[in-house]
Amino acid sequence: MKKRNIVIHCLVILMMIATFAACASTPTRESTGEYIDDSVITTKVKSLLATDDFLKSFQISVETYQGTVQLSGFVNSQKAVDKAVEIVRSVKGVKSIKNNLIVK
C-alpha cells in the first residue's frame, strides 16, 4: 500500500512539472503571460495610432513579440514615421521597436 502511494505521488509530481514546463517560454515560443502582455501592448499602440489625428489616415500594422513592437506599412513622410515611433516608445512594456514603415 505504501509503495502504491509513493508511485501515485511521484506521478502527480511529474504531471505538475510537465504542466509548468509547458507554460514556460523558449527562445522561439512565448509563455502565456508574455503572449497576454504582448497583446496588451499591441492593443495600446493600435489605439494610440488610431486616435492620433496625423496618423489615423495611414494603415500601420502593429505586431508585438516578447516586448518588441514591429511597425509596418506605408506613410507619406518621415515626420509620420517619427511620430509613430514616438507613440510606440510612450507605451509601457515596449522593450524595442522594429520600424519597417516605408515612406512613399
Protein backbone atom coordinates (compact mmCIF):
# COMPACT_ATOMS: atom_id res chain seq x y z
CA MET A 1 0.00 0.00 0.00
CA LYS A 2 2.84 2.39 0.85
CA LYS A 3 4.55 1.55 -2.42
CA ARG A 4 1.37 2.38 -4.32
CA ASN A 5 1.02 5.76 -2.57
CA ILE A 6 4.64 6.62 -3.37
CA VAL A 7 4.10 5.79 -7.05
CA ILE A 8 0.93 7.89 -7.17
CA HIS A 9 2.69 10.86 -5.51
CA CYS A 10 5.58 10.60 -7.95
CA LEU A 11 3.20 10.55 -10.92
CA VAL A 12 1.34 13.59 -9.61
CA ILE A 13 4.62 15.48 -9.13
CA LEU A 14 5.77 14.56 -12.65
CA MET A 15 2.46 15.76 -14.11
CA MET A 16 2.79 19.07 -12.26
CA ILE A 17 6.35 19.56 -13.51
CA ALA A 18 5.24 18.82 -17.08
CA THR A 19 2.39 21.32 -16.76
CA PHE A 20 4.66 24.10 -15.54
CA ALA A 21 7.27 23.34 -18.20
CA ALA A 22 4.62 23.57 -20.94
CA CYS A 23 3.79 27.15 -19.87
CA ALA A 24 7.41 28.31 -19.89
CA SER A 25 8.82 30.39 -22.71
CA THR A 26 11.58 29.34 -25.07
CA PRO A 27 13.63 31.43 -27.49
CA THR A 28 11.13 30.64 -30.25
CA ARG A 29 7.90 30.47 -28.21
CA GLU A 30 6.25 32.87 -25.77
CA SER A 31 4.84 31.88 -22.42
CA THR A 32 1.17 32.50 -21.75
CA GLY A 33 1.95 35.60 -19.68
CA GLU A 34 4.22 37.05 -22.36
CA TYR A 35 1.54 36.45 -25.00
CA ILE A 36 -1.01 38.35 -22.93
CA ASP A 37 1.47 41.17 -22.26
CA ASP A 38 2.23 41.43 -25.98
CA SER A 39 -1.49 41.54 -26.79
CA VAL A 40 -1.95 44.42 -24.35
CA ILE A 41 0.99 46.33 -25.85
CA THR A 42 -0.32 45.79 -29.40
CA THR A 43 -3.80 46.97 -28.42
CA LYS A 44 -2.45 50.10 -26.71
CA VAL A 45 -0.23 51.01 -29.68
CA LYS A 46 -3.03 50.46 -32.22
CA SER A 47 -5.39 52.54 -30.11
CA LEU A 48 -2.93 55.42 -29.80
CA LEU A 49 -2.16 55.34 -33.54
CA ALA A 50 -5.88 55.34 -34.39
CA THR A 51 -6.62 58.33 -32.15
CA ASP A 52 -3.72 60.42 -33.41
CA ASP A 53 -5.10 62.93 -35.94
CA PHE A 54 -1.93 62.90 -38.05
CA LEU A 55 -1.52 59.09 -38.25
CA LYS A 56 -5.09 57.78 -38.30
CA SER A 57 -5.34 58.06 -42.09
CA PHE A 58 -2.44 55.62 -42.59
CA GLN A 59 -2.74 51.85 -42.36
CA ILE A 60 0.05 50.91 -39.98
CA SER A 61 0.29 47.28 -38.92
CA VAL A 62 1.46 46.55 -35.38
CA GLU A 63 2.81 43.22 -34.14
CA THR A 64 4.46 42.52 -30.80
CA TYR A 65 6.68 39.60 -29.82
CA GLN A 66 8.35 39.43 -26.39
CA GLY A 67 8.10 43.20 -25.95
CA THR A 68 9.48 44.06 -29.40
CA VAL A 69 6.99 46.07 -31.43
CA GLN A 70 7.16 45.84 -35.22
CA LEU A 71 5.58 48.61 -37.28
CA SER A 72 4.92 48.06 -40.98
CA GLY A 73 3.02 49.86 -43.69
CA PHE A 74 3.22 52.94 -45.88
CA VAL A 75 3.23 56.58 -44.80
CA ASN A 76 3.66 59.86 -46.69
CA SER A 77 6.55 61.45 -44.80
CA GLN A 78 9.43 60.90 -42.42
CA LYS A 79 7.50 63.02 -39.94
CA ALA A 80 4.80 60.32 -39.84
CA VAL A 81 7.44 57.64 -39.21
CA ASP A 82 8.96 59.67 -36.38
CA LYS A 83 5.53 60.31 -34.84
CA ALA A 84 4.61 56.59 -34.95
CA VAL A 85 7.89 55.63 -33.27
CA GLU A 86 7.35 58.30 -30.63
CA ILE A 87 3.90 56.88 -29.86
CA VAL A 88 5.26 53.33 -29.55
CA ARG A 89 8.01 54.49 -27.17
CA SER A 90 5.36 56.03 -24.90
CA VAL A 91 3.72 52.64 -24.25
CA LYS A 92 4.78 50.87 -21.08
CA GLY A 93 6.32 47.43 -21.63
CA VAL A 94 7.90 48.12 -25.03
CA LYS A 95 11.47 46.81 -25.00
CA SER A 96 12.45 47.67 -28.57
CA ILE A 97 11.00 48.78 -31.90
CA LYS A 98 11.45 47.32 -35.38
CA ASN A 99 10.48 50.09 -37.74
CA ASN A 100 9.52 48.75 -41.16
CA LEU A 101 7.46 51.77 -42.19
CA ILE A 102 8.06 52.84 -45.77
CA VAL A 103 7.80 56.45 -46.94
CA LYS A 104 6.00 56.66 -50.32
